[in-house]
């Protein structure tokens, strides 16, 4: 994999090529749990039906076009740089309700909660699985990235047998700000000690993300940023203490990078009540209004 420093950046700073490595493709027919334990992640190529993923992409883009955020032709997924979202949905509650309606689209849910991915999760847990009702749909424009973090502080009131499934809805090149994991970070005892038991809603004075500079941390740990280019149909699964984030979206034409996080667990295990049921309260009781993705694309911010 070619990873020139000028392509991969974090907060505008080039990522040294020697600190970047390739995510390893998982063996879909092998022991998924053992591979996850060993690597801290599972990169599953073709886990979803690419035709269904494209349908989900189009569904989301047309909803964004409805608030003026996609340039014509909509199918190319280029951000317009303007938005009528706030004019149409002026309050946090209304913005959240809009993003919930996008996140609960039929085509999207056929991908992120469909039988193909659920079957893989059943195999991973060796028991029937169940996803959170809440989904973390993100639309990332040029210049945006997800900060360095582990997921545990954000969703730890249910079972410990919980994994994240990150699904790219668009093809993601190195220019588009792909997701990365820090090599071996799922075994970093000090990170686990720092965040285990921390609940960002019960203790908002403590950050849930890792405040250290990602490039400096990776160098100090003799770790690497593991990443790749993603195709429609791929997914990346990882546990609650795998350190990850995304690179800056450096798309030259302001292409929108669409992805969606879902969380899966054994169906018979207790679930974090914030993200379950027909009307998930999520963080701060804001529902989908807690997500920066509920804000207009024209408003620059980072997004978990």
C-alpha atoms as a PDB file:
ATOM      1  CA  UNK A   1       0.000   0.000   0.000  1.00  0.00           C
ATOM      2  CA  UNK A   2       1.391   3.384  -1.001  1.00  0.00           C
ATOM      3  CA  UNK A   3       1.054   5.869   1.849  1.00  0.00           C
ATOM      4  CA  UNK A   4       2.900   9.089   0.930  1.00  0.00           C
ATOM      5  CA  UNK A   5       3.144  11.502   3.838  1.00  0.00           C
ATOM      6  CA  UNK A   6       1.521  14.312   1.876  1.00  0.00           C
ATOM      7  CA  UNK A   7      -1.673  12.236   1.473  1.00  0.00           C
ATOM      8  CA  UNK A   8      -2.279  11.201   5.088  1.00  0.00           C
ATOM      9  CA  UNK A   9      -2.566  14.084   7.546  1.00  0.00           C
ATOM     10  CA  UNK A  10      -3.895  14.682  11.050  1.00  0.00           C
ATOM     11  CA  UNK A  11      -5.002  18.235  11.850  1.00  0.00           C
ATOM     12  CA  UNK A  12      -3.077  19.213   8.747  1.00  0.00           C
ATOM     13  CA  UNK A  13       0.210  17.629   9.881  1.00  0.00           C
ATOM     14  CA  UNK A  14       1.715  14.995   7.530  1.00  0.00           C
ATOM     15  CA  UNK A  15       1.816  11.494   9.011  1.00  0.00           C
ATOM     16  CA  UNK A  16       5.324   9.999   8.642  1.00  0.00           C
ATOM     17  CA  UNK A  17       5.261   7.157   6.161  1.00  0.00           C
ATOM     18  CA  UNK A  18       7.235   4.886   8.483  1.00  0.00           C
ATOM     19  CA  UNK A  19       4.452   5.181  11.066  1.00  0.00           C
ATOM     20  CA  UNK A  20       1.818   3.817   8.678  1.00  0.00           C
ATOM     21  CA  UNK A  21       1.040   0.167   7.975  1.00  0.00           C
ATOM     22  CA  UNK A  22      -1.713  -1.824   6.284  1.00  0.00           C
ATOM     23  CA  UNK A  23      -4.699  -3.336   8.012  1.00  0.00           C
ATOM     24  CA  UNK A  24      -4.711  -7.101   7.540  1.00  0.00           C
ATOM     25  CA  UNK A  25      -7.659  -8.730   5.800  1.00  0.00           C
ATOM     26  CA  UNK A  26      -9.455 -11.163   8.077  1.00  0.00           C
ATOM     27  CA  UNK A  27     -10.171 -14.739   7.067  1.00  0.00           C
ATOM     28  CA  UNK A  28     -13.992 -14.743   6.904  1.00  0.00           C
ATOM     29  CA  UNK A  29     -14.080 -18.531   7.139  1.00  0.00           C
ATOM     30  CA  UNK A  30     -11.753 -18.717  10.138  1.00  0.00           C
ATOM     31  CA  UNK A  31     -12.194 -18.203  13.867  1.00  0.00           C
ATOM     32  CA  UNK A  32     -13.409 -14.604  13.971  1.00  0.00           C
ATOM     33  CA  UNK A  33     -13.190 -14.274  17.738  1.00  0.00           C
ATOM     34  CA  UNK A  34      -9.573 -15.461  17.784  1.00  0.00           C
ATOM     35  CA  UNK A  35      -8.607 -13.077  14.985  1.00  0.00           C
ATOM     36  CA  UNK A  36     -10.256 -10.201  16.842  1.00  0.00           C
ATOM     37  CA  UNK A  37      -8.427 -11.125  20.048  1.00  0.00           C
ATOM     38  CA  UNK A  38      -5.090 -11.316  18.235  1.00  0.00           C
ATOM     39  CA  UNK A  39      -5.272  -8.168  16.098  1.00  0.00           C
ATOM     40  CA  UNK A  40      -7.793  -6.019  17.957  1.00  0.00           C
ATOM     41  CA  UNK A  41      -9.811  -5.645  14.749  1.00  0.00           C
ATOM     42  CA  UNK A  42     -11.392  -7.601  11.896  1.00  0.00           C
ATOM     43  CA  UNK A  43     -11.224  -6.188   8.376  1.00  0.00           C
ATOM     44  CA  UNK A  44     -13.896  -8.078   6.468  1.00  0.00           C
ATOM     45  CA  UNK A  45     -13.935  -7.472   2.745  1.00  0.00           C
ATOM     46  CA  UNK A  46     -17.307  -7.877   1.063  1.00  0.00           C
ATOM     47  CA  UNK A  47     -19.185  -8.385   4.322  1.00  0.00           C
ATOM     48  CA  UNK A  48     -22.083  -6.351   2.927  1.00  0.00           C
ATOM     49  CA  UNK A  49     -23.738  -6.526  -0.473  1.00  0.00           C
ATOM     50  CA  UNK A  50     -22.131  -3.676  -2.495  1.00  0.00           C
ATOM     51  CA  UNK A  51     -25.394  -3.104  -4.388  1.00  0.00           C
ATOM     52  CA  UNK A  52     -27.215  -2.563  -1.099  1.00  0.00           C
ATOM     53  CA  UNK A  53     -24.440  -0.280   0.156  1.00  0.00           C
ATOM     54  CA  UNK A  54     -24.728   1.860  -2.981  1.00  0.00           C
ATOM     55  CA  UNK A  55     -28.488   2.073  -2.467  1.00  0.00           C
ATOM     56  CA  UNK A  56     -27.880   3.251   1.102  1.00  0.00           C
ATOM     57  CA  UNK A  57     -25.364   5.838  -0.139  1.00  0.00           C
ATOM     58  CA  UNK A  58     -27.845   7.201  -2.642  1.00  0.00           C
ATOM     59  CA  UNK A  59     -30.578   7.290   0.007  1.00  0.00           C
ATOM     60  CA  UNK A  60     -28.425   9.375   2.357  1.00  0.00           C
ATOM     61  CA  UNK A  61     -27.161  11.697  -0.386  1.00  0.00           C
ATOM     62  CA  UNK A  62     -30.688  12.477  -1.541  1.00  0.00           C
ATOM     63  CA  UNK A  63     -31.695  13.359   2.014  1.00  0.00           C
ATOM     64  CA  UNK A  64     -28.683  15.687   2.238  1.00  0.00           C
ATOM     65  CA  UNK A  65     -29.664  17.164  -1.105  1.00  0.00           C
ATOM     66  CA  UNK A  66     -33.063  17.924   0.428  1.00  0.00           C
ATOM     67  CA  UNK A  67     -31.324  20.421   2.721  1.00  0.00           C
ATOM     68  CA  UNK A  68     -29.156  21.844  -0.048  1.00  0.00           C
ATOM     69  CA  UNK A  69     -25.874  20.223   1.006  1.00  0.00           C
ATOM     70  CA  UNK A  70     -25.006  18.248  -2.150  1.00  0.00           C
ATOM     71  CA  UNK A  71     -23.990  19.725  -5.479  1.00  0.00           C
ATOM     72  CA  UNK A  72     -25.541  18.482  -8.718  1.00  0.00           C
ATOM     73  CA  UNK A  73     -25.409  15.765  -9.840  1.00  0.00           C
ATOM     74  CA  UNK A  74     -26.310  14.342  -6.454  1.00  0.00           C
ATOM     75  CA  UNK A  75     -24.955  10.887  -7.324  1.00  0.00           C
ATOM     76  CA  UNK A  76     -21.367  12.162  -7.262  1.00  0.00           C
ATOM     77  CA  UNK A  77     -21.637  13.073  -3.565  1.00  0.00           C
ATOM     78  CA  UNK A  78     -19.853  16.436  -3.698  1.00  0.00           C
ATOM     79  CA  UNK A  79     -20.602  18.880  -0.876  1.00  0.00           C
ATOM     80  CA  UNK A  80     -22.199  22.121  -2.038  1.00  0.00           C
ATOM     81  CA  UNK A  81     -20.679  24.191   0.769  1.00  0.00           C
ATOM     82  CA  UNK A  82     -24.074  25.633   1.703  1.00  0.00           C
ATOM     83  CA  UNK A  83     -27.052  24.347   3.658  1.00  0.00           C
ATOM     84  CA  UNK A  84     -30.686  25.069   4.454  1.00  0.00           C
ATOM     85  CA  UNK A  85     -30.713  22.507   7.270  1.00  0.00           C
ATOM     86  CA  UNK A  86     -30.864  25.064  10.084  1.00  0.00           C
ATOM     87  CA  UNK A  87     -33.533  27.058   8.296  1.00  0.00           C
ATOM     88  CA  UNK A  88     -35.682  23.942   8.000  1.00  0.00           C
ATOM     89  CA  UNK A  89     -34.802  22.514  11.436  1.00  0.00           C
ATOM     90  CA  UNK A  90     -33.923  25.462  13.713  1.00  0.00           C
ATOM     91  CA  UNK A  91     -33.674  23.692  17.089  1.00  0.00           C
ATOM     92  CA  UNK A  92     -31.370  20.957  18.383  1.00  0.00           C
ATOM     93  CA  UNK A  93     -34.408  18.732  18.812  1.00  0.00           C
ATOM     94  CA  UNK A  94     -35.509  19.268  15.221  1.00  0.00           C
ATOM     95  CA  UNK A  95     -31.985  18.755  13.868  1.00  0.00           C
ATOM     96  CA  UNK A  96     -31.814  15.503  15.821  1.00  0.00           C
ATOM     97  CA  UNK A  97     -35.194  14.371  14.502  1.00  0.00           C
ATOM     98  CA  UNK A  98     -34.034  15.042  10.935  1.00  0.00           C
ATOM     99  CA  UNK A  99     -30.813  13.067  11.414  1.00  0.00           C
ATOM    100  CA  UNK A 100     -32.725  10.243  13.067  1.00  0.00           C
ATOM    101  CA  UNK A 101     -34.970  10.026   9.997  1.00  0.00           C
ATOM    102  CA  UNK A 102     -31.889   9.827   7.761  1.00  0.00           C
ATOM    103  CA  UNK A 103     -30.262   7.241  10.038  1.00  0.00           C
ATOM    104  CA  UNK A 104     -33.380   5.077  10.021  1.00  0.00           C
ATOM    105  CA  UNK A 105     -33.713   4.979   6.237  1.00  0.00           C
ATOM    106  CA  UNK A 106     -34.809   1.607   4.906  1.00  0.00           C
ATOM    107  CA  UNK A 107     -31.861   1.148   2.534  1.00  0.00           C
ATOM    108  CA  UNK A 108     -29.314   2.059   5.214  1.00  0.00           C
ATOM    109  CA  UNK A 109     -30.857  -0.281   7.765  1.00  0.00           C
ATOM    110  CA  UNK A 110     -30.852  -3.149   5.257  1.00  0.00           C
ATOM    111  CA  UNK A 111     -27.064  -2.793   5.253  1.00  0.00           C
ATOM    112  CA  UNK A 112     -26.168  -2.042   8.865  1.00  0.00           C
ATOM    113  CA  UNK A 113     -28.780  -4.300  10.501  1.00  0.00           C
ATOM    114  CA  UNK A 114     -29.310  -6.807   7.703  1.00  0.00           C
ATOM    115  CA  UNK A 115     -28.925 -10.585   7.720  1.00  0.00           C
ATOM    116  CA  UNK A 116     -25.408 -10.631   6.220  1.00  0.00           C
ATOM    117  CA  UNK A 117     -23.783  -8.597   8.987  1.00  0.00           C
ATOM    118  CA  UNK A 118     -25.983 -10.095  11.696  1.00  0.00           C
ATOM    119  CA  UNK A 119     -24.948 -13.573  10.575  1.00  0.00           C
ATOM    120  CA  UNK A 120     -21.277 -12.609  10.879  1.00  0.00           C
ATOM    121  CA  UNK A 121     -21.892 -11.245  14.362  1.00  0.00           C
ATOM    122  CA  UNK A 122     -23.700 -14.441  15.356  1.00  0.00           C
ATOM    123  CA  UNK A 123     -20.544 -16.327  14.338  1.00  0.00           C
ATOM    124  CA  UNK A 124     -18.285 -13.890  16.165  1.00  0.00           C
ATOM    125  CA  UNK A 125     -20.180 -14.249  19.443  1.00  0.00           C
ATOM    126  CA  UNK A 126     -21.085 -17.919  18.878  1.00  0.00           C
ATOM    127  CA  UNK A 127     -24.627 -16.983  19.879  1.00  0.00           C
ATOM    128  CA  UNK A 128     -27.460 -14.901  18.384  1.00  0.00           C
ATOM    129  CA  UNK A 129     -26.477 -11.231  18.241  1.00  0.00           C
ATOM    130  CA  UNK A 130     -28.338  -7.944  18.387  1.00  0.00           C
ATOM    131  CA  UNK A 131     -27.401  -4.396  17.306  1.00  0.00           C
ATOM    132  CA  UNK A 132     -28.048  -1.173  19.154  1.00  0.00           C
ATOM    133  CA  UNK A 133     -31.130   0.601  17.820  1.00  0.00           C
ATOM    134  CA  UNK A 134     -29.061   3.797  17.628  1.00  0.00           C
ATOM    135  CA  UNK A 135     -26.712   4.184  14.658  1.00  0.00           C
ATOM    136  CA  UNK A 136     -23.817   6.612  14.248  1.00  0.00           C
ATOM    137  CA  UNK A 137     -24.166   7.829  10.653  1.00  0.00           C
ATOM    138  CA  UNK A 138     -21.473  10.331   9.625  1.00  0.00           C
ATOM    139  CA  UNK A 139     -20.996  12.607   6.647  1.00  0.00           C
ATOM    140  CA  UNK A 140     -17.454  13.990   6.612  1.00  0.00           C
ATOM    141  CA  UNK A 141     -16.526  16.865   4.323  1.00  0.00           C
ATOM    142  CA  UNK A 142     -13.022  18.015   3.390  1.00  0.00           C
ATOM    143  CA  UNK A 143     -10.864  19.010   6.342  1.00  0.00           C
ATOM    144  CA  UNK A 144     -12.766  16.922   8.880  1.00  0.00           C
ATOM    145  CA  UNK A 145     -11.586  13.921  10.904  1.00  0.00           C
ATOM    146  CA  UNK A 146     -12.529  11.817  13.913  1.00  0.00           C
ATOM    147  CA  UNK A 147     -10.326  12.314  16.998  1.00  0.00           C
ATOM    148  CA  UNK A 148      -8.220   9.646  18.675  1.00  0.00           C
ATOM    149  CA  UNK A 149     -10.348   7.623  21.086  1.00  0.00           C
ATOM    150  CA  UNK A 150     -11.599   4.299  22.388  1.00  0.00           C
ATOM    151  CA  UNK A 151     -15.332   3.572  22.392  1.00  0.00           C
ATOM    152  CA  UNK A 152     -15.769   2.292  25.942  1.00  0.00           C
ATOM    153  CA  UNK A 153     -16.469   5.654  27.698  1.00  0.00           C
ATOM    154  CA  UNK A 154     -19.368   6.324  25.370  1.00  0.00           C
ATOM    155  CA  UNK A 155     -21.328   3.057  25.687  1.00  0.00           C
ATOM    156  CA  UNK A 156     -20.475   1.005  28.776  1.00  0.00           C
ATOM    157  CA  UNK A 157     -23.702   0.495  30.722  1.00  0.00           C
ATOM    158  CA  UNK A 158     -24.488  -2.894  29.244  1.00  0.00           C
ATOM    159  CA  UNK A 159     -22.451  -5.978  28.496  1.00  0.00           C
ATOM    160  CA  UNK A 160     -18.681  -6.007  28.061  1.00  0.00           C
ATOM    161  CA  UNK A 161     -19.211  -8.253  25.033  1.00  0.00           C
ATOM    162  CA  UNK A 162     -19.729  -5.320  22.715  1.00  0.00           C
ATOM    163  CA  UNK A 163     -18.078  -4.513  19.384  1.00  0.00           C
ATOM    164  CA  UNK A 164     -18.160  -1.660  16.919  1.00  0.00           C
ATOM    165  CA  UNK A 165     -18.879  -2.337  13.257  1.00  0.00           C
ATOM    166  CA  UNK A 166     -17.693   0.533  11.056  1.00  0.00           C
ATOM    167  CA  UNK A 167     -19.200   0.448   7.572  1.00  0.00           C
ATOM    168  CA  UNK A 168     -18.025   2.780   4.788  1.00  0.00           C
ATOM    169  CA  UNK A 169     -20.918   3.687   2.497  1.00  0.00           C
ATOM    170  CA  UNK A 170     -18.651   5.314  -0.079  1.00  0.00           C
ATOM    171  CA  UNK A 171     -15.400   3.991  -1.517  1.00  0.00           C
ATOM    172  CA  UNK A 172     -12.720   5.554   0.694  1.00  0.00           C
ATOM    173  CA  UNK A 173      -9.280   6.258  -0.707  1.00  0.00           C
ATOM    174  CA  UNK A 174      -6.308   7.517   1.294  1.00  0.00           C
ATOM    175  CA  UNK A 175      -7.293  11.040   0.261  1.00  0.00           C
ATOM    176  CA  UNK A 176     -10.768  10.690   1.770  1.00  0.00           C
ATOM    177  CA  UNK A 177      -9.674  10.323   5.391  1.00  0.00           C
ATOM    178  CA  UNK A 178      -9.868   6.578   6.049  1.00  0.00           C
ATOM    179  CA  UNK A 179     -10.306   5.153   9.521  1.00  0.00           C
ATOM    180  CA  UNK A 180      -7.159   3.896  11.279  1.00  0.00           C
ATOM    181  CA  UNK A 181      -6.429   1.776  14.339  1.00  0.00           C
ATOM    182  CA  UNK A 182      -3.230   1.965  16.357  1.00  0.00           C
ATOM    183  CA  UNK A 183      -1.384  -1.322  16.075  1.00  0.00           C
ATOM    184  CA  UNK A 184      -1.526  -3.390  19.284  1.00  0.00           C
ATOM    185  CA  UNK A 185      -3.502  -0.728  21.152  1.00  0.00           C
ATOM    186  CA  UNK A 186      -6.163  -3.200  22.316  1.00  0.00           C
ATOM    187  CA  UNK A 187      -3.468  -4.557  24.661  1.00  0.00           C
ATOM    188  CA  UNK A 188      -2.403  -1.203  26.161  1.00  0.00           C
ATOM    189  CA  UNK A 189      -3.134  -1.681  29.861  1.00  0.00           C
ATOM    190  CA  UNK A 190      -2.704   1.991  30.756  1.00  0.00           C
ATOM    191  CA  UNK A 191      -5.298   3.108  28.204  1.00  0.00           C
ATOM    192  CA  UNK A 192      -7.724   0.530  29.560  1.00  0.00           C
ATOM    193  CA  UNK A 193      -7.008   1.697  33.115  1.00  0.00           C
ATOM    194  CA  UNK A 194      -7.502   5.343  32.127  1.00  0.00           C
ATOM    195  CA  UNK A 195     -10.893   4.833  30.514  1.00  0.00           C
ATOM    196  CA  UNK A 196     -12.410   1.664  31.982  1.00  0.00           C
ATOM    197  CA  UNK A 197     -15.572   2.558  33.892  1.00  0.00           C
ATOM    198  CA  UNK A 198     -15.527   6.161  32.688  1.00  0.00           C
ATOM    199  CA  UNK A 199     -18.989   7.256  31.520  1.00  0.00           C
ATOM    200  CA  UNK A 200     -19.004  10.539  29.601  1.00  0.00           C
ATOM    201  CA  UNK A 201     -22.604  11.258  30.601  1.00  0.00           C
ATOM    202  CA  UNK A 202     -22.101  10.638  34.308  1.00  0.00           C
ATOM    203  CA  UNK A 203     -18.776  12.508  34.419  1.00  0.00           C
ATOM    204  CA  UNK A 204     -18.763  15.111  31.634  1.00  0.00           C
ATOM    205  CA  UNK A 205     -15.820  16.904  33.243  1.00  0.00           C
ATOM    206  CA  UNK A 206     -13.509  14.141  31.968  1.00  0.00           C
ATOM    207  CA  UNK A 207     -12.975  13.835  28.221  1.00  0.00           C
ATOM    208  CA  UNK A 208     -13.851  10.552  26.559  1.00  0.00           C
ATOM    209  CA  UNK A 209     -11.262  10.932  23.834  1.00  0.00           C
ATOM    210  CA  UNK A 210      -7.476  10.647  24.078  1.00  0.00           C
ATOM    211  CA  UNK A 211      -5.934  14.097  24.356  1.00  0.00           C
ATOM    212  CA  UNK A 212      -2.389  13.093  23.388  1.00  0.00           C
ATOM    213  CA  UNK A 213      -1.126  13.977  19.931  1.00  0.00           C
ATOM    214  CA  UNK A 214      -1.798  10.922  17.793  1.00  0.00           C
ATOM    215  CA  UNK A 215       1.458  11.060  15.819  1.00  0.00           C
ATOM    216  CA  UNK A 216       3.579  11.568  18.943  1.00  0.00           C
ATOM    217  CA  UNK A 217       1.722   8.816  20.832  1.00  0.00           C
ATOM    218  CA  UNK A 218       2.168   6.334  18.011  1.00  0.00           C
ATOM    219  CA  UNK A 219       5.887   7.082  17.819  1.00  0.00           C
ATOM    220  CA  UNK A 220       6.348   6.844  21.597  1.00  0.00           C
ATOM    221  CA  UNK A 221       4.561   3.460  21.689  1.00  0.00           C
ATOM    222  CA  UNK A 222       6.506   2.158  18.684  1.00  0.00           C
ATOM    223  CA  UNK A 223       3.113   1.508  17.165  1.00  0.00           C
ATOM    224  CA  UNK A 224       1.774   2.298  13.705  1.00  0.00           C
ATOM    225  CA  UNK A 225      -1.346   3.748  12.148  1.00  0.00           C
ATOM    226  CA  UNK A 226      -2.970   0.782  10.421  1.00  0.00           C
ATOM    227  CA  UNK A 227      -5.262   1.750   7.577  1.00  0.00           C
ATOM    228  CA  UNK A 228      -6.247   0.862   4.032  1.00  0.00           C
ATOM    229  CA  UNK A 229      -8.471   1.905   1.183  1.00  0.00           C
ATOM    230  CA  UNK A 230     -12.039   0.683   1.627  1.00  0.00           C
ATOM    231  CA  UNK A 231     -14.539  -0.503  -0.968  1.00  0.00           C
ATOM    232  CA  UNK A 232     -18.304  -0.554  -0.699  1.00  0.00           C
ATOM    233  CA  UNK A 233     -19.169  -3.805   1.056  1.00  0.00           C
ATOM    234  CA  UNK A 234     -16.203  -3.766   3.447  1.00  0.00           C
ATOM    235  CA  UNK A 235     -16.498  -3.343   7.203  1.00  0.00           C
ATOM    236  CA  UNK A 236     -14.093  -3.002  10.123  1.00  0.00           C
ATOM    237  CA  UNK A 237     -14.980  -4.552  13.480  1.00  0.00           C
ATOM    238  CA  UNK A 238     -13.140  -3.772  16.715  1.00  0.00           C
ATOM    239  CA  UNK A 239     -13.546  -3.841  20.474  1.00  0.00           C
ATOM    240  CA  UNK A 240     -14.155  -1.135  23.020  1.00  0.00           C
ATOM    241  CA  UNK A 241     -10.471  -0.544  23.871  1.00  0.00           C
ATOM    242  CA  UNK A 242      -8.943  -0.494  20.389  1.00  0.00           C
ATOM    243  CA  UNK A 243      -7.532   3.010  19.879  1.00  0.00           C
ATOM    244  CA  UNK A 244      -8.736   4.497  16.596  1.00  0.00           C
ATOM    245  CA  UNK A 245      -9.701   7.629  14.716  1.00  0.00           C
ATOM    246  CA  UNK A 246      -9.662   8.853  11.140  1.00  0.00           C
ATOM    247  CA  UNK A 247      -7.260  10.840   9.025  1.00  0.00           C
ATOM    248  CA  UNK A 248      -8.221  14.227   7.606  1.00  0.00           C
ATOM    249  CA  UNK A 249     -10.512  14.147   4.605  1.00  0.00           C
ATOM    250  CA  UNK A 250      -8.190  15.647   1.975  1.00  0.00           C
ATOM    251  CA  UNK A 251     -10.530  15.134  -0.954  1.00  0.00           C
ATOM    252  CA  UNK A 252      -9.582  17.740  -3.547  1.00  0.00           C
ATOM    253  CA  UNK A 253     -13.164  18.200  -4.774  1.00  0.00           C
ATOM    254  CA  UNK A 254     -14.889  18.141  -1.345  1.00  0.00           C
ATOM    255  CA  UNK A 255     -16.273  14.636  -1.783  1.00  0.00           C
ATOM    256  CA  UNK A 256     -18.466  13.616   1.165  1.00  0.00           C
ATOM    257  CA  UNK A 257     -17.157  10.586   3.050  1.00  0.00           C
ATOM    258  CA  UNK A 258     -20.146   8.616   4.316  1.00  0.00           C
ATOM    259  CA  UNK A 259     -19.825   5.909   6.968  1.00  0.00           C
ATOM    260  CA  UNK A 260     -21.932   4.384   9.702  1.00  0.00           C
ATOM    261  CA  UNK A 261     -21.030   2.824  13.053  1.00  0.00           C
ATOM    262  CA  UNK A 262     -23.233   0.198  14.629  1.00  0.00           C
ATOM    263  CA  UNK A 263     -22.672  -1.738  17.831  1.00  0.00           C
ATOM    264  CA  UNK A 264     -23.415  -5.434  18.211  1.00  0.00           C
ATOM    265  CA  UNK A 265     -23.592  -7.717  21.244  1.00  0.00           C
ATOM    266  CA  UNK A 266     -25.069 -11.069  22.255  1.00  0.00           C
ATOM    267  CA  UNK A 267     -28.847 -10.809  22.085  1.00  0.00           C
ATOM    268  CA  UNK A 268     -29.354 -12.180  25.592  1.00  0.00           C
ATOM    269  CA  UNK A 269     -26.890  -9.780  27.283  1.00  0.00           C
ATOM    270  CA  UNK A 270     -27.876  -6.490  28.977  1.00  0.00           C
ATOM    271  CA  UNK A 271     -27.818  -3.506  26.597  1.00  0.00           C
ATOM    272  CA  UNK A 272     -26.885   0.113  27.311  1.00  0.00           C
ATOM    273  CA  UNK A 273     -30.312   1.705  27.730  1.00  0.00           C
ATOM    274  CA  UNK A 274     -29.211   4.961  26.075  1.00  0.00           C
ATOM    275  CA  UNK A 275     -29.004   3.269  22.679  1.00  0.00           C
ATOM    276  CA  UNK A 276     -31.812   0.712  22.894  1.00  0.00           C
ATOM    277  CA  UNK A 277     -35.537   0.703  22.274  1.00  0.00           C
ATOM    278  CA  UNK A 278     -37.768   2.613  19.870  1.00  0.00           C
ATOM    279  CA  UNK A 279     -36.612   6.095  20.958  1.00  0.00           C
ATOM    280  CA  UNK A 280     -32.957   5.978  22.105  1.00  0.00           C
ATOM    281  CA  UNK A 281     -32.042   8.865  24.397  1.00  0.00           C
ATOM    282  CA  UNK A 282     -28.297   8.667  23.540  1.00  0.00           C
ATOM    283  CA  UNK A 283     -25.886  11.149  25.123  1.00  0.00           C
ATOM    284  CA  UNK A 284     -27.358  13.891  27.283  1.00  0.00           C
ATOM    285  CA  UNK A 285     -30.873  12.739  26.446  1.00  0.00           C
ATOM    286  CA  UNK A 286     -30.511  14.497  23.083  1.00  0.00           C
ATOM    287  CA  UNK A 287     -31.132  11.491  20.870  1.00  0.00           C
ATOM    288  CA  UNK A 288     -29.608  11.991  17.428  1.00  0.00           C
ATOM    289  CA  UNK A 289     -29.129  15.648  18.316  1.00  0.00           C
ATOM    290  CA  UNK A 290     -26.038  14.603  20.306  1.00  0.00           C
ATOM    291  CA  UNK A 291     -24.174  13.836  17.071  1.00  0.00           C
ATOM    292  CA  UNK A 292     -22.185  16.505  15.280  1.00  0.00           C
ATOM    293  CA  UNK A 293     -23.502  14.832  12.120  1.00  0.00           C
ATOM    294  CA  UNK A 294     -26.897  16.334  12.961  1.00  0.00           C
ATOM    295  CA  UNK A 295     -25.404  19.780  12.221  1.00  0.00           C
ATOM    296  CA  UNK A 296     -25.243  21.228   8.698  1.00  0.00           C
ATOM    297  CA  UNK A 297     -22.314  19.987   6.641  1.00  0.00           C
ATOM    298  CA  UNK A 298     -21.295  23.578   6.057  1.00  0.00           C
ATOM    299  CA  UNK A 299     -20.487  23.990   9.762  1.00  0.00           C
ATOM    300  CA  UNK A 300     -16.898  22.759  10.220  1.00  0.00           C
ATOM    301  CA  UNK A 301     -16.311  20.468  13.198  1.00  0.00           C
ATOM    302  CA  UNK A 302     -14.805  17.140  14.129  1.00  0.00           C
ATOM    303  CA  UNK A 303     -17.071  14.118  14.413  1.00  0.00           C
ATOM    304  CA  UNK A 304     -16.755  11.007  16.526  1.00  0.00           C
END
